Protein backbone atom coordinates (compact mmCIF):
# COMPACT_ATOMS: atom_id res chain seq x y z
CA MET A 1 135.22 216.70 34.64
CA ILE A 2 134.80 213.78 37.04
CA LYS A 3 137.25 210.97 36.30
CA VAL A 4 135.69 207.52 36.85
CA LEU A 5 137.38 204.12 37.07
CA ILE A 6 135.18 201.04 36.55
CA VAL A 7 136.29 197.92 38.45
CA ASP A 8 134.44 194.70 37.57
CA ASP A 9 135.57 191.31 36.33
CA GLN A 10 132.58 190.98 33.99
CA LYS A 11 132.91 192.56 30.55
CA THR A 12 129.12 192.80 30.25
CA VAL A 13 128.95 194.97 33.37
CA GLN A 14 131.78 197.17 32.09
CA ALA A 15 129.92 197.62 28.81
CA LEU A 16 126.63 198.41 30.58
CA LEU A 17 128.22 201.06 32.83
CA THR A 18 130.02 202.54 29.84
CA ASP A 19 126.69 202.85 28.04
CA TYR A 20 125.21 204.57 31.12
CA LEU A 21 127.99 207.14 31.43
CA LYS A 22 129.39 207.74 27.95
CA ASP A 23 127.02 210.60 27.04
CA GLU A 24 127.30 212.43 30.38
CA SER A 25 129.36 215.53 29.64
CA GLY A 26 130.59 215.96 33.23
CA ILE A 27 131.91 212.40 33.55
CA GLU A 28 134.93 210.76 31.89
CA ILE A 29 135.69 207.03 32.11
CA ILE A 30 139.46 206.84 32.47
CA GLY A 31 139.83 203.06 32.54
CA PHE A 32 138.72 199.58 33.52
CA ALA A 33 140.06 196.99 35.94
CA GLU A 34 139.06 193.34 36.33
CA ASN A 35 140.26 192.88 39.92
CA GLY A 36 141.29 194.86 42.96
CA GLN A 37 145.01 194.72 42.22
CA GLU A 38 144.54 196.15 38.73
CA ALA A 39 142.38 198.86 40.28
CA LEU A 40 145.14 199.84 42.71
CA ASP A 41 147.67 200.05 39.87
CA ILE A 42 145.39 202.34 37.85
CA VAL A 43 144.44 204.49 40.86
CA ARG A 44 148.13 205.00 41.65
CA VAL A 45 148.84 206.31 38.14
CA CYS A 46 145.60 207.97 37.00
CA GLN A 47 144.16 209.21 40.33
CA PRO A 48 140.44 208.89 39.45
CA ASP A 49 137.89 210.94 41.37
CA ILE A 50 135.37 208.08 41.63
CA VAL A 51 135.98 204.33 41.65
CA LEU A 52 132.96 202.13 40.90
CA MET A 53 133.99 198.96 42.70
CA ASP A 54 132.58 195.42 42.49
CA ILE A 55 133.00 193.21 45.58
CA GLU A 56 133.65 189.66 44.42
CA MET A 57 136.65 189.55 42.07
CA PRO A 58 139.74 187.36 41.62
CA VAL A 59 143.30 188.21 42.80
CA LEU A 60 142.16 190.96 45.19
CA ASP A 61 138.52 191.45 46.19
CA GLY A 62 136.74 194.80 46.11
CA LEU A 63 136.53 195.29 49.88
CA SER A 64 140.28 194.79 50.36
CA ALA A 65 141.01 197.12 47.46
CA THR A 66 138.63 199.72 48.86
CA ARG A 67 140.36 199.69 52.24
CA ILE A 68 143.74 200.32 50.58
CA ILE A 69 142.39 203.09 48.35
CA VAL A 70 140.75 204.87 51.29
CA GLU A 71 143.96 204.66 53.33
CA GLN A 72 146.52 205.50 50.62
CA PHE A 73 144.74 207.46 47.88
CA VAL A 74 142.57 210.05 49.58
CA GLN A 75 141.83 211.84 46.30
CA SER A 76 139.75 208.86 45.12
CA THR A 77 136.25 208.09 46.42
CA VAL A 78 134.94 204.53 46.23
CA LEU A 79 131.33 203.63 45.45
CA ILE A 80 130.56 199.93 45.83
CA LEU A 81 128.45 198.59 42.95
CA SER A 82 127.24 195.09 43.79
CA VAL A 83 124.56 192.47 43.11
CA HIS A 84 124.21 191.81 46.86
CA ASP A 85 121.63 193.63 48.95
CA GLU A 86 122.35 191.77 52.19
CA ASP A 87 123.17 193.79 55.31
CA SER A 88 126.50 192.01 55.77
CA TYR A 89 127.85 193.29 52.44
CA LEU A 90 126.58 196.81 53.09
CA ASN A 91 128.08 196.92 56.58
CA ALA A 92 131.41 195.49 55.41
CA SER A 93 131.61 198.07 52.62
CA LEU A 94 131.01 200.97 55.01
CA GLN A 95 133.54 199.60 57.49
CA VAL A 96 136.34 199.63 54.89
CA GLY A 97 135.56 203.24 54.01
CA ALA A 98 133.34 203.15 50.92
CA LYS A 99 131.44 206.39 50.41
CA GLY A 100 128.33 204.57 49.25
CA TYR A 101 126.70 201.31 48.23
CA LEU A 102 124.65 200.84 45.05
CA LEU A 103 123.12 197.80 43.43
CA LYS A 104 124.00 196.89 39.85
CA THR A 105 120.30 197.24 39.02
CA THR A 106 120.51 200.97 39.80
CA PRO A 107 119.07 202.96 36.85
CA ALA A 108 121.47 205.09 34.79
CA LYS A 109 120.08 208.40 36.08
CA GLU A 110 120.40 207.31 39.71
CA LEU A 111 123.95 206.12 39.12
CA ILE A 112 124.94 209.41 37.50
CA ASN A 113 123.39 211.40 40.36
CA ALA A 114 125.23 209.20 42.87
CA ILE A 115 128.55 209.87 41.12
CA TYR A 116 127.99 213.64 41.19
CA SER A 117 126.92 213.56 44.85
CA ALA A 118 129.80 211.31 45.95
CA TYR A 119 132.22 213.61 44.13
CA LYS A 120 130.94 216.44 46.33
CA GLY A 121 131.55 214.29 49.39
CA TYR A 122 128.04 213.06 50.13
CA PHE A 123 127.30 209.54 51.34
CA GLN A 124 125.21 207.42 48.96
CA LEU A 125 122.80 204.52 49.41
CA GLY A 126 121.10 203.07 46.35
CA PRO A 127 117.32 202.99 45.84
CA GLY A 128 115.71 200.56 48.27
CA LEU A 129 118.79 200.19 50.46
CA LEU A 130 118.01 203.30 52.52
CA GLU A 131 114.63 201.94 53.58
CA LYS A 132 116.16 198.55 54.38
CA TYR A 133 118.91 200.14 56.46
CA LEU A 134 116.38 202.20 58.43
CA TYR A 135 114.27 199.10 59.06
CA LYS A 136 117.29 197.25 60.40
CA ILE A 137 118.19 200.12 62.73
CA SER A 138 114.58 200.39 63.94
CA ASN A 139 114.55 196.71 64.93
CA SER A 140 117.90 196.76 66.73
CA GLN A 141 118.39 196.84 70.52
CA LEU A 142 119.27 200.53 70.54
CA LYS A 143 117.58 203.30 72.48
CA SER A 144 114.52 204.65 70.65
CA GLN A 145 115.80 208.23 70.65
CA GLU A 146 119.09 207.33 68.93
CA VAL A 147 117.17 205.31 66.35
CA GLU A 148 114.82 208.21 65.69
CA ASP A 149 117.73 210.66 65.39
CA LEU A 150 119.49 208.41 62.90
CA LYS A 151 116.33 207.97 60.84
CA ASN A 152 115.74 211.72 60.74
CA ILE A 153 119.32 212.48 59.68
CA ILE A 154 119.40 209.91 56.87
CA THR A 155 115.92 210.83 55.62
CA GLU A 156 116.66 214.55 55.68
CA GLN A 157 119.92 214.00 53.82
CA SER A 158 118.11 211.93 51.19
CA ASN A 159 115.48 214.65 50.70
CA LEU A 160 118.10 217.38 50.42
CA LEU A 161 120.04 215.42 47.79
CA LYS A 162 116.85 215.00 45.79
CA GLU A 163 116.28 218.76 45.89
CA ILE A 164 119.83 219.45 44.69
CA ASN A 165 119.60 216.96 41.83
CA SER A 166 116.18 218.34 40.86
CA GLU A 167 117.47 221.91 40.74
CA LYS A 168 120.52 220.83 38.74
CA SER A 169 118.39 219.06 36.13
CA HIS A 170 116.25 222.18 35.60
CA SER A 171 119.29 224.37 34.85
CA ILE A 172 119.46 226.95 37.67
CA SER A 173 119.42 230.41 36.13
CA ASN A 174 119.33 232.96 38.94
CA SER A 175 121.50 233.69 41.95
CA LYS A 176 118.71 233.08 44.45
CA LYS A 177 118.41 229.42 43.41
CA ILE A 178 122.19 229.05 43.44
CA ASN A 179 122.32 230.39 46.97
CA ASN A 180 119.56 227.97 47.98
CA THR A 181 121.57 225.09 46.55
CA ASN A 182 124.70 226.20 48.43
CA ASN A 183 122.68 226.37 51.63
CA LEU A 184 121.35 222.87 51.01
CA GLN A 185 124.86 221.56 50.43
CA SER A 186 126.05 223.15 53.68
CA GLU A 187 123.17 221.49 55.51
CA ILE A 188 124.11 218.11 54.03
CA VAL A 189 127.72 218.47 55.16
CA ASP A 190 126.45 219.17 58.66
CA LEU A 191 124.14 216.16 58.47
CA GLU A 192 127.02 213.97 57.27
CA GLN A 193 129.00 214.88 60.37
CA LYS A 194 126.03 214.17 62.66
CA LEU A 195 125.44 210.84 60.89
CA TYR A 196 129.09 209.84 61.33
CA TYR A 197 129.13 210.56 65.06
CA LEU A 198 125.73 208.96 65.63
CA ASN A 199 126.76 205.80 63.77
CA HIS A 200 129.97 205.71 65.82
CA TYR A 201 127.95 206.02 69.03
CA ILE A 202 125.54 203.29 67.91
CA GLU A 203 128.44 200.92 67.19
CA LYS A 204 129.75 201.54 70.70
CA LEU A 205 126.31 200.74 72.11
CA LYS A 206 126.15 197.52 70.10
CA LYS A 207 129.54 196.41 71.45
CA ARG A 208 128.42 197.25 74.98
CA VAL A 209 125.27 195.14 74.57
CA ILE A 210 127.33 192.19 73.27
CA TYR A 211 129.76 192.56 76.18
CA ILE A 212 126.94 192.55 78.73
CA GLN A 213 125.35 189.51 77.07
CA ASN A 214 128.66 187.63 77.24
CA MET A 215 129.12 188.55 80.90
CA VAL A 216 125.63 187.27 81.70
CA LEU A 217 126.42 183.97 79.98
CA VAL A 218 129.67 183.65 81.95
CA LEU A 219 127.86 184.33 85.23
CA LEU A 220 125.12 181.82 84.41
CA ALA A 221 127.75 179.20 83.60
CA ALA A 222 129.55 179.90 86.87
CA VAL A 223 126.30 179.58 88.84
CA ALA A 224 125.51 176.32 87.07
CA VAL A 225 128.93 174.90 87.96
CA LEU A 226 128.55 176.02 91.58
CA ILE A 227 125.14 174.38 91.85
CA LEU A 228 126.53 171.17 90.35
CA VAL A 229 129.44 171.14 92.82
CA VAL A 230 127.10 171.67 95.78
CA TYR A 231 124.76 168.96 94.51
CA LEU A 232 127.59 166.44 94.07
CA ASN A 233 128.93 167.12 97.55
């Protein structure tokens, strides 16, 4: 049984998520929190497997709470559930250690599948966000090969997760299918590791590009000052 904590300051959202999950036999809602501080108090006592976390809340926001949970309560996995589909929110959520990012418009079936997959340790991006993320990467200043590698890893992971969820929904009945699923899961773990290291490398490249741009600006400013001094003399 997967223990789920719902963290959102809106009662209507709590009720909607409850309606989504209440009939799922493998999932148990263990509580609700209306801000990040309440979430930390419940996580400390109840140790949920999955925390569905909103971002914008009073007292303590969802990103700050997520960072603390990831650092102090390793048994709990955080999935951000937000109304925002902007890159800045997605990037900030991943930087604090969230295992995935879903929109509040995510259908019930997709949300349930995301909970099961995150519980197994797989990274999650909600419908539509994967394509947007790939588009952003494709239009960045990174080397084409790194971009292509990242796209292939994320796309392959997405396809493998779809296969696993499809097999689960059709009630696997023979050992051959079970072995296939285990093999798929092993492949996804390997892809997760490649994705982590590639993302880390890409972040280093981005910082290097920014550093070079700043150095160029400094040099241009220095040249401009030198020219001005020569002209005035």
